[in-house]
PDB file of N, CA and C in Angstrom:
ATOM      1  N   MET A   1      -8.677 -27.078 -41.527  1.00  0.00           N
ATOM      2  CA  MET A   1      -7.597 -26.133 -41.683  1.00  0.00           C
ATOM      3  C   MET A   1      -7.505 -25.744 -43.159  1.00  0.00           C
ATOM      4  N   ASN A   2      -7.329 -24.465 -43.398  1.00  0.00           N
ATOM      5  CA  ASN A   2      -7.133 -23.937 -44.747  1.00  0.00           C
ATOM      6  C   ASN A   2      -5.793 -23.231 -44.807  1.00  0.00           C
ATOM      7  N   VAL A   3      -5.072 -23.441 -45.911  1.00  0.00           N
ATOM      8  CA  VAL A   3      -3.758 -22.822 -46.109  1.00  0.00           C
ATOM      9  C   VAL A   3      -3.723 -22.218 -47.501  1.00  0.00           C
ATOM     10  N   GLY A   4      -3.178 -21.012 -47.607  1.00  0.00           N
ATOM     11  CA  GLY A   4      -3.011 -20.370 -48.909  1.00  0.00           C
ATOM     12  C   GLY A   4      -1.643 -19.727 -49.008  1.00  0.00           C
ATOM     13  N   LEU A   5      -1.037 -19.795 -50.181  1.00  0.00           N
ATOM     14  CA  LEU A   5       0.235 -19.126 -50.450  1.00  0.00           C
ATOM     15  C   LEU A   5       0.035 -18.274 -51.693  1.00  0.00           C
ATOM     16  N   PHE A   6       0.315 -16.989 -51.561  1.00  0.00           N
ATOM     17  CA  PHE A   6       0.102 -16.043 -52.650  1.00  0.00           C
ATOM     18  C   PHE A   6       1.398 -15.302 -52.932  1.00  0.00           C
ATOM     19  N   LEU A   7       1.724 -15.134 -54.190  1.00  0.00           N
ATOM     20  CA  LEU A   7       2.846 -14.290 -54.589  1.00  0.00           C
ATOM     21  C   LEU A   7       2.250 -13.018 -55.166  1.00  0.00           C
ATOM     22  N   GLN A   8       2.706 -11.880 -54.656  1.00  0.00           N
ATOM     23  CA  GLN A   8       2.119 -10.614 -55.061  1.00  0.00           C
ATOM     24  C   GLN A   8       3.222  -9.673 -55.533  1.00  0.00           C
ATOM     25  N   GLU A   9       3.200  -9.378 -56.821  1.00  0.00           N
ATOM     26  CA  GLU A   9       4.198  -8.494 -57.418  1.00  0.00           C
ATOM     27  C   GLU A   9       3.831  -7.036 -57.162  1.00  0.00           C
ATOM     28  N   GLY A  10       4.844  -6.215 -56.933  1.00  0.00           N
ATOM     29  CA  GLY A  10       4.626  -4.786 -56.790  1.00  0.00           C
ATOM     30  C   GLY A  10       4.202  -4.335 -55.403  1.00  0.00           C
ATOM     31  N   ARG A  11       4.275  -5.211 -54.418  1.00  0.00           N
ATOM     32  CA  ARG A  11       3.937  -4.857 -53.031  1.00  0.00           C
ATOM     33  C   ARG A  11       5.050  -5.331 -52.116  1.00  0.00           C
ATOM     34  N   ALA A  12       5.577  -4.433 -51.312  1.00  0.00           N
ATOM     35  CA  ALA A  12       6.617  -4.799 -50.350  1.00  0.00           C
ATOM     36  C   ALA A  12       5.999  -5.609 -49.213  1.00  0.00           C
ATOM     37  N   TYR A  13       6.812  -6.433 -48.578  1.00  0.00           N
ATOM     38  CA  TYR A  13       6.305  -7.312 -47.515  1.00  0.00           C
ATOM     39  C   TYR A  13       5.728  -6.532 -46.343  1.00  0.00           C
ATOM     40  N   ASP A  14       6.180  -5.295 -46.151  1.00  0.00           N
ATOM     41  CA  ASP A  14       5.728  -4.518 -44.992  1.00  0.00           C
ATOM     42  C   ASP A  14       4.632  -3.505 -45.334  1.00  0.00           C
ATOM     43  N   GLU A  15       4.039  -3.608 -46.517  1.00  0.00           N
ATOM     44  CA  GLU A  15       2.916  -2.740 -46.893  1.00  0.00           C
ATOM     45  C   GLU A  15       1.593  -3.359 -46.447  1.00  0.00           C
ATOM     46  N   ASN A  16       0.631  -2.516 -46.166  1.00  0.00           N
ATOM     47  CA  ASN A  16      -0.744  -2.944 -45.862  1.00  0.00           C
ATOM     48  C   ASN A  16      -0.836  -3.903 -44.683  1.00  0.00           C
ATOM     49  N   VAL A  17      -0.129  -3.608 -43.619  1.00  0.00           N
ATOM     50  CA  VAL A  17      -0.246  -4.414 -42.395  1.00  0.00           C
ATOM     51  C   VAL A  17      -1.591  -4.054 -41.776  1.00  0.00           C
ATOM     52  N   SER A  18      -2.492  -5.016 -41.714  1.00  0.00           N
ATOM     53  CA  SER A  18      -3.868  -4.723 -41.316  1.00  0.00           C
ATOM     54  C   SER A  18      -4.014  -4.346 -39.848  1.00  0.00           C
ATOM     55  N   ASN A  19      -3.169  -4.889 -38.975  1.00  0.00           N
ATOM     56  CA  ASN A  19      -3.253  -4.562 -37.556  1.00  0.00           C
ATOM     57  C   ASN A  19      -1.840  -4.405 -36.993  1.00  0.00           C
ATOM     58  N   PRO A  20      -1.230  -3.224 -37.179  1.00  0.00           N
ATOM     59  CA  PRO A  20       0.148  -3.024 -36.729  1.00  0.00           C
ATOM     60  C   PRO A  20       0.350  -3.286 -35.234  1.00  0.00           C
ATOM     61  N   GLY A  21      -0.700  -3.159 -34.440  1.00  0.00           N
ATOM     62  CA  GLY A  21      -0.582  -3.382 -33.003  1.00  0.00           C
ATOM     63  C   GLY A  21      -0.273  -4.825 -32.624  1.00  0.00           C
ATOM     64  N   THR A  22      -0.646  -5.776 -33.471  1.00  0.00           N
ATOM     65  CA  THR A  22      -0.384  -7.185 -33.175  1.00  0.00           C
ATOM     66  C   THR A  22       0.656  -7.800 -34.108  1.00  0.00           C
ATOM     67  N   ALA A  23       1.034  -7.078 -35.163  1.00  0.00           N
ATOM     68  CA  ALA A  23       2.011  -7.607 -36.126  1.00  0.00           C
ATOM     69  C   ALA A  23       3.397  -7.685 -35.489  1.00  0.00           C
ATOM     70  N   ARG A  24       4.141  -8.733 -35.890  1.00  0.00           N
ATOM     71  CA  ARG A  24       5.497  -8.938 -35.365  1.00  0.00           C
ATOM     72  C   ARG A  24       6.462  -9.065 -36.537  1.00  0.00           C
ATOM     73  N   GLY A  25       7.445  -8.175 -36.576  1.00  0.00           N
ATOM     74  CA  GLY A  25       8.482  -8.262 -37.598  1.00  0.00           C
ATOM     75  C   GLY A  25       9.497  -9.320 -37.217  1.00  0.00           C
ATOM     76  N   GLY A  26      10.150  -9.892 -38.207  1.00  0.00           N
ATOM     77  CA  GLY A  26      11.167 -10.900 -37.943  1.00  0.00           C
ATOM     78  C   GLY A  26      11.746 -11.429 -39.229  1.00  0.00           C
ATOM     79  N   LYS A  27      12.220 -12.659 -39.168  1.00  0.00           N
ATOM     80  CA  LYS A  27      12.807 -13.301 -40.344  1.00  0.00           C
ATOM     81  C   LYS A  27      12.376 -14.755 -40.395  1.00  0.00           C
ATOM     82  N   VAL A  28      12.207 -15.246 -41.612  1.00  0.00           N
ATOM     83  CA  VAL A  28      11.985 -16.668 -41.860  1.00  0.00           C
ATOM     84  C   VAL A  28      13.211 -17.135 -42.631  1.00  0.00           C
ATOM     85  N   ASN A  29      14.030 -17.951 -42.005  1.00  0.00           N
ATOM     86  CA  ASN A  29      15.276 -18.410 -42.634  1.00  0.00           C
ATOM     87  C   ASN A  29      16.090 -17.241 -43.184  1.00  0.00           C
ATOM     88  N   ASN A  30      16.174 -16.158 -42.467  1.00  0.00           N
ATOM     89  CA  ASN A  30      16.958 -14.982 -42.854  1.00  0.00           C
ATOM     90  C   ASN A  30      16.250 -14.080 -43.868  1.00  0.00           C
ATOM     91  N   ARG A  31      15.006 -14.368 -44.217  1.00  0.00           N
ATOM     92  CA  ARG A  31      14.229 -13.533 -45.140  1.00  0.00           C
ATOM     93  C   ARG A  31      13.330 -12.617 -44.303  1.00  0.00           C
ATOM     94  N   PRO A  32      13.346 -11.299 -44.543  1.00  0.00           N
ATOM     95  CA  PRO A  32      12.486 -10.393 -43.777  1.00  0.00           C
ATOM     96  C   PRO A  32      11.013 -10.804 -43.876  1.00  0.00           C
ATOM     97  N   SER A  33      10.323 -10.721 -42.729  1.00  0.00           N
ATOM     98  CA  SER A  33       8.924 -11.155 -42.699  1.00  0.00           C
ATOM     99  C   SER A  33       8.143 -10.398 -41.635  1.00  0.00           C
ATOM    100  N   ILE A  34       6.833 -10.496 -41.738  1.00  0.00           N
ATOM    101  CA  ILE A  34       5.915  -9.964 -40.728  1.00  0.00           C
ATOM    102  C   ILE A  34       4.859 -11.029 -40.469  1.00  0.00           C
ATOM    103  N   GLU A  35       4.656 -11.359 -39.191  1.00  0.00           N
ATOM    104  CA  GLU A  35       3.606 -12.297 -38.794  1.00  0.00           C
ATOM    105  C   GLU A  35       2.449 -11.498 -38.226  1.00  0.00           C
ATOM    106  N   GLN A  36       1.235 -11.810 -38.687  1.00  0.00           N
ATOM    107  CA  GLN A  36       0.045 -11.113 -38.217  1.00  0.00           C
ATOM    108  C   GLN A  36      -0.982 -12.107 -37.686  1.00  0.00           C
ATOM    109  N   PRO A  37      -1.080 -12.249 -36.360  1.00  0.00           N
ATOM    110  CA  PRO A  37      -2.171 -13.049 -35.806  1.00  0.00           C
ATOM    111  C   PRO A  37      -3.500 -12.332 -36.073  1.00  0.00           C
ATOM    112  N   GLU A  38      -4.501 -13.086 -36.459  1.00  0.00           N
ATOM    113  CA  GLU A  38      -5.840 -12.550 -36.708  1.00  0.00           C
ATOM    114  C   GLU A  38      -5.807 -11.323 -37.626  1.00  0.00           C
ATOM    115  N   PRO A  39      -5.218 -11.459 -38.832  1.00  0.00           N
ATOM    116  CA  PRO A  39      -5.067 -10.299 -39.708  1.00  0.00           C
ATOM    117  C   PRO A  39      -6.386  -9.651 -40.119  1.00  0.00           C
ATOM    118  N   LEU A  40      -7.455 -10.409 -40.139  1.00  0.00           N
ATOM    119  CA  LEU A  40      -8.762  -9.856 -40.495  1.00  0.00           C
ATOM    120  C   LEU A  40      -9.665  -9.713 -39.279  1.00  0.00           C
ATOM    121  N   GLY A  41      -9.065  -9.836 -38.085  1.00  0.00           N
ATOM    122  CA  GLY A  41      -9.822  -9.686 -36.852  1.00  0.00           C
ATOM    123  C   GLY A  41     -10.630 -10.907 -36.463  1.00  0.00           C
ATOM    124  N   THR A  42     -10.314 -12.058 -37.040  1.00  0.00           N
ATOM    125  CA  THR A  42     -11.054 -13.286 -36.765  1.00  0.00           C
ATOM    126  C   THR A  42     -10.158 -14.309 -36.097  1.00  0.00           C
ATOM    127  N   SER A  43     -10.612 -14.893 -34.997  1.00  0.00           N
ATOM    128  CA  SER A  43      -9.848 -15.928 -34.298  1.00  0.00           C
ATOM    129  C   SER A  43      -9.539 -17.084 -35.231  1.00  0.00           C
ATOM    130  N   GLY A  44      -8.363 -17.688 -35.028  1.00  0.00           N
ATOM    131  CA  GLY A  44      -7.979 -18.867 -35.791  1.00  0.00           C
ATOM    132  C   GLY A  44      -7.250 -18.575 -37.077  1.00  0.00           C
ATOM    133  N   GLN A  45      -6.931 -17.319 -37.328  1.00  0.00           N
ATOM    134  CA  GLN A  45      -6.217 -16.954 -38.547  1.00  0.00           C
ATOM    135  C   GLN A  45      -4.828 -16.440 -38.215  1.00  0.00           C
ATOM    136  N   CYS A  46      -3.887 -16.684 -39.133  1.00  0.00           N
ATOM    137  CA  CYS A  46      -2.543 -16.137 -38.996  1.00  0.00           C
ATOM    138  C   CYS A  46      -1.960 -15.976 -40.396  1.00  0.00           C
ATOM    139  N   SER A  47      -1.233 -14.896 -40.589  1.00  0.00           N
ATOM    140  CA  SER A  47      -0.641 -14.596 -41.885  1.00  0.00           C
ATOM    141  C   SER A  47       0.833 -14.265 -41.696  1.00  0.00           C
ATOM    142  N   ILE A  48       1.673 -14.802 -42.561  1.00  0.00           N
ATOM    143  CA  ILE A  48       3.091 -14.439 -42.580  1.00  0.00           C
ATOM    144  C   ILE A  48       3.394 -13.908 -43.972  1.00  0.00           C
ATOM    145  N   THR A  49       3.904 -12.683 -44.025  1.00  0.00           N
ATOM    146  CA  THR A  49       4.268 -12.050 -45.282  1.00  0.00           C
ATOM    147  C   THR A  49       5.784 -11.984 -45.353  1.00  0.00           C
ATOM    148  N   MET A  50       6.361 -12.468 -46.468  1.00  0.00           N
ATOM    149  CA  MET A  50       7.816 -12.525 -46.626  1.00  0.00           C
ATOM    150  C   MET A  50       8.254 -11.701 -47.832  1.00  0.00           C
ATOM    151  N   ALA A  51       9.426 -11.096 -47.721  1.00  0.00           N
ATOM    152  CA  ALA A  51       9.994 -10.310 -48.815  1.00  0.00           C
ATOM    153  C   ALA A  51      10.391 -11.224 -49.967  1.00  0.00           C
ATOM    154  N   VAL A  52      10.081 -10.781 -51.190  1.00  0.00           N
ATOM    155  CA  VAL A  52      10.479 -11.487 -52.410  1.00  0.00           C
ATOM    156  C   VAL A  52      10.925 -10.435 -53.420  1.00  0.00           C
ATOM    157  N   ALA A  53      12.107 -10.619 -53.988  1.00  0.00           N
ATOM    158  CA  ALA A  53      12.635  -9.721 -55.021  1.00  0.00           C
ATOM    159  C   ALA A  53      12.314  -8.257 -54.695  1.00  0.00           C
ATOM    160  N   PRO A  54      12.771  -7.365 -55.485  1.00  0.00           N
ATOM    161  CA  PRO A  54      12.476  -5.957 -55.185  1.00  0.00           C
ATOM    162  C   PRO A  54      10.973  -5.678 -55.269  1.00  0.00           C
ATOM    163  N   GLN A  55      10.425  -5.214 -54.192  1.00  0.00           N
ATOM    164  CA  GLN A  55       9.030  -4.773 -54.123  1.00  0.00           C
ATOM    165  C   GLN A  55       7.999  -5.843 -54.467  1.00  0.00           C
ATOM    166  N   SER A  56       8.234  -7.066 -54.014  1.00  0.00           N
ATOM    167  CA  SER A  56       7.231  -8.123 -54.140  1.00  0.00           C
ATOM    168  C   SER A  56       7.173  -8.880 -52.823  1.00  0.00           C
ATOM    169  N   ARG A  57       6.168  -9.731 -52.677  1.00  0.00           N
ATOM    170  CA  ARG A  57       6.023 -10.456 -51.417  1.00  0.00           C
ATOM    171  C   ARG A  57       5.307 -11.785 -51.626  1.00  0.00           C
ATOM    172  N   ALA A  58       5.507 -12.662 -50.664  1.00  0.00           N
ATOM    173  CA  ALA A  58       4.770 -13.919 -50.576  1.00  0.00           C
ATOM    174  C   ALA A  58       3.947 -13.845 -49.299  1.00  0.00           C
ATOM    175  N   ILE A  59       2.689 -14.223 -49.390  1.00  0.00           N
ATOM    176  CA  ILE A  59       1.795 -14.195 -48.236  1.00  0.00           C
ATOM    177  C   ILE A  59       1.333 -15.623 -47.964  1.00  0.00           C
ATOM    178  N   LEU A  60       1.589 -16.090 -46.762  1.00  0.00           N
ATOM    179  CA  LEU A  60       1.146 -17.413 -46.325  1.00  0.00           C
ATOM    180  C   LEU A  60       0.031 -17.211 -45.306  1.00  0.00           C
ATOM    181  N   ASP A  61      -1.157 -17.690 -45.623  1.00  0.00           N
ATOM    182  CA  ASP A  61      -2.310 -17.564 -44.728  1.00  0.00           C
ATOM    183  C   ASP A  61      -2.711 -18.939 -44.217  1.00  0.00           C
ATOM    184  N   VAL A  62      -2.984 -19.014 -42.907  1.00  0.00           N
ATOM    185  CA  VAL A  62      -3.463 -20.251 -42.296  1.00  0.00           C
ATOM    186  C   VAL A  62      -4.710 -19.924 -41.486  1.00  0.00           C
ATOM    187  N   GLU A  63      -5.744 -20.739 -41.649  1.00  0.00           N
ATOM    188  CA  GLU A  63      -6.973 -20.606 -40.871  1.00  0.00           C
ATOM    189  C   GLU A  63      -7.234 -21.957 -40.220  1.00  0.00           C
ATOM    190  N   SER A  64      -7.384 -21.933 -38.883  1.00  0.00           N
ATOM    191  CA  SER A  64      -7.498 -23.184 -38.129  1.00  0.00           C
ATOM    192  C   SER A  64      -8.580 -23.062 -37.065  1.00  0.00           C
ATOM    193  N   GLY A  65      -9.820 -23.131 -37.472  1.00  0.00           N
ATOM    194  CA  GLY A  65     -10.914 -23.030 -36.510  1.00  0.00           C
ATOM    195  C   GLY A  65     -10.851 -21.731 -35.737  1.00  0.00           C
ATOM    196  N   SER A  66     -10.775 -21.818 -34.406  1.00  0.00           N
ATOM    197  CA  SER A  66     -10.677 -20.616 -33.574  1.00  0.00           C
ATOM    198  C   SER A  66      -9.354 -20.555 -32.821  1.00  0.00           C
ATOM    199  N   ASP A  67      -8.396 -21.406 -33.188  1.00  0.00           N
ATOM    200  CA  ASP A  67      -7.106 -21.499 -32.494  1.00  0.00           C
ATOM    201  C   ASP A  67      -6.050 -20.637 -33.184  1.00  0.00           C
ATOM    202  N   THR A  68      -5.978 -19.365 -32.797  1.00  0.00           N
ATOM    203  CA  THR A  68      -5.024 -18.444 -33.408  1.00  0.00           C
ATOM    204  C   THR A  68      -3.589 -18.866 -33.136  1.00  0.00           C
ATOM    205  N   THR A  69      -3.291 -19.283 -31.916  1.00  0.00           N
ATOM    206  CA  THR A  69      -1.931 -19.715 -31.576  1.00  0.00           C
ATOM    207  C   THR A  69      -1.519 -20.904 -32.434  1.00  0.00           C
ATOM    208  N   GLY A  70      -2.406 -21.868 -32.593  1.00  0.00           N
ATOM    209  CA  GLY A  70      -2.124 -23.029 -33.432  1.00  0.00           C
ATOM    210  C   GLY A  70      -1.946 -22.643 -34.890  1.00  0.00           C
ATOM    211  N   ALA A  71      -2.772 -21.707 -35.371  1.00  0.00           N
ATOM    212  CA  ALA A  71      -2.655 -21.245 -36.755  1.00  0.00           C
ATOM    213  C   ALA A  71      -1.302 -20.580 -36.982  1.00  0.00           C
ATOM    214  N   CYS A  72      -0.852 -19.781 -36.015  1.00  0.00           N
ATOM    215  CA  CYS A  72       0.449 -19.115 -36.159  1.00  0.00           C
ATOM    216  C   CYS A  72       1.595 -20.120 -36.097  1.00  0.00           C
ATOM    217  N   GLN A  73       1.481 -21.135 -35.256  1.00  0.00           N
ATOM    218  CA  GLN A  73       2.533 -22.158 -35.192  1.00  0.00           C
ATOM    219  C   GLN A  73       2.606 -22.922 -36.513  1.00  0.00           C
ATOM    220  N   THR A  74       1.454 -23.271 -37.063  1.00  0.00           N
ATOM    221  CA  THR A  74       1.426 -23.953 -38.357  1.00  0.00           C
ATOM    222  C   THR A  74       1.996 -23.051 -39.448  1.00  0.00           C
ATOM    223  N   ALA A  75       1.623 -21.772 -39.436  1.00  0.00           N
ATOM    224  CA  ALA A  75       2.145 -20.827 -40.428  1.00  0.00           C
ATOM    225  C   ALA A  75       3.664 -20.715 -40.327  1.00  0.00           C
ATOM    226  N   GLU A  76       4.185 -20.645 -39.110  1.00  0.00           N
ATOM    227  CA  GLU A  76       5.642 -20.561 -38.922  1.00  0.00           C
ATOM    228  C   GLU A  76       6.330 -21.813 -39.453  1.00  0.00           C
ATOM    229  N   ASP A  77       5.782 -22.979 -39.136  1.00  0.00           N
ATOM    230  CA  ASP A  77       6.365 -24.243 -39.606  1.00  0.00           C
ATOM    231  C   ASP A  77       6.358 -24.314 -41.133  1.00  0.00           C
ATOM    232  N   LEU A  78       5.226 -23.970 -41.742  1.00  0.00           N
ATOM    233  CA  LEU A  78       5.128 -24.013 -43.199  1.00  0.00           C
ATOM    234  C   LEU A  78       6.028 -22.969 -43.859  1.00  0.00           C
ATOM    235  N   ALA A  79       6.078 -21.776 -43.286  1.00  0.00           N
ATOM    236  CA  ALA A  79       6.916 -20.718 -43.860  1.00  0.00           C
ATOM    237  C   ALA A  79       8.382 -21.138 -43.884  1.00  0.00           C
ATOM    238  N   THR A  80       8.840 -21.785 -42.831  1.00  0.00           N
ATOM    239  CA  THR A  80      10.227 -22.252 -42.765  1.00  0.00           C
ATOM    240  C   THR A  80      10.513 -23.263 -43.877  1.00  0.00           C
ATOM    241  N   LYS A  81       9.539 -24.109 -44.183  1.00  0.00           N
ATOM    242  CA  LYS A  81       9.723 -25.122 -45.233  1.00  0.00           C
ATOM    243  C   LYS A  81       9.564 -24.538 -46.639  1.00  0.00           C
ATOM    244  N   LEU A  82       8.661 -23.578 -46.805  1.00  0.00           N
ATOM    245  CA  LEU A  82       8.388 -23.011 -48.123  1.00  0.00           C
ATOM    246  C   LEU A  82       9.371 -21.913 -48.526  1.00  0.00           C
ATOM    247  N   GLU A  83       9.948 -21.228 -47.566  1.00  0.00           N
ATOM    248  CA  GLU A  83      10.820 -20.086 -47.869  1.00  0.00           C
ATOM    249  C   GLU A  83      11.929 -20.419 -48.862  1.00  0.00           C
ATOM    250  N   PRO A  84      12.633 -21.561 -48.743  1.00  0.00           N
ATOM    251  CA  PRO A  84      13.704 -21.846 -49.707  1.00  0.00           C
ATOM    252  C   PRO A  84      13.210 -22.006 -51.150  1.00  0.00           C
ATOM    253  N   LEU A  85      11.921 -22.235 -51.349  1.00  0.00           N
ATOM    254  CA  LEU A  85      11.368 -22.413 -52.686  1.00  0.00           C
ATOM    255  C   LEU A  85      11.000 -21.087 -53.355  1.00  0.00           C
ATOM    256  N   LEU A  86      11.025 -19.995 -52.592  1.00  0.00           N
ATOM    257  CA  LEU A  86      10.632 -18.687 -53.116  1.00  0.00           C
ATOM    258  C   LEU A  86      11.769 -18.049 -53.912  1.00  0.00           C
ATOM    259  N   PRO A  87      11.416 -17.134 -54.827  1.00  0.00           N
ATOM    260  CA  PRO A  87      12.463 -16.359 -55.506  1.00  0.00           C
ATOM    261  C   PRO A  87      13.266 -15.560 -54.473  1.00  0.00           C
ATOM    262  N   PRO A  88      14.459 -15.096 -54.835  1.00  0.00           N
ATOM    263  CA  PRO A  88      15.291 -14.351 -53.879  1.00  0.00           C
ATOM    264  C   PRO A  88      14.584 -13.113 -53.330  1.00  0.00           C
ATOM    265  N   ALA A  89      15.004 -12.731 -52.130  1.00  0.00           N
ATOM    266  CA  ALA A  89      14.449 -11.519 -51.498  1.00  0.00           C
ATOM    267  C   ALA A  89      15.130 -10.286 -52.052  1.00  0.00           C
TER     268      ALA A  89
END
C-alpha cells in the first residue's frame, strides 16, 4: 500500500477532476471534498481532495494493489484523521 498527502497552493479542491463520471462530492469532517476512485484509470487507486484556505487544496492518494474499494475505504479513514491537522478551509 502506498499513501501520499500533498498540499497544493493556488488550486481549488474541485479543479482538475480527472474523471467527473466517477467522482463523488462530499465532506470530510465538514470540509468540502471530492473522492475519485481510480483517478488515473488504474484499479486499486483512490484520491480524496479537500478544500484548504482560499484556492488551495490537500490531496490524499492511496494505492492498494487492485482493490479500489479498499483503497477508497483507507483513504476515507485517513482523511477523517488527517483533516483536523490541515489549515482552515
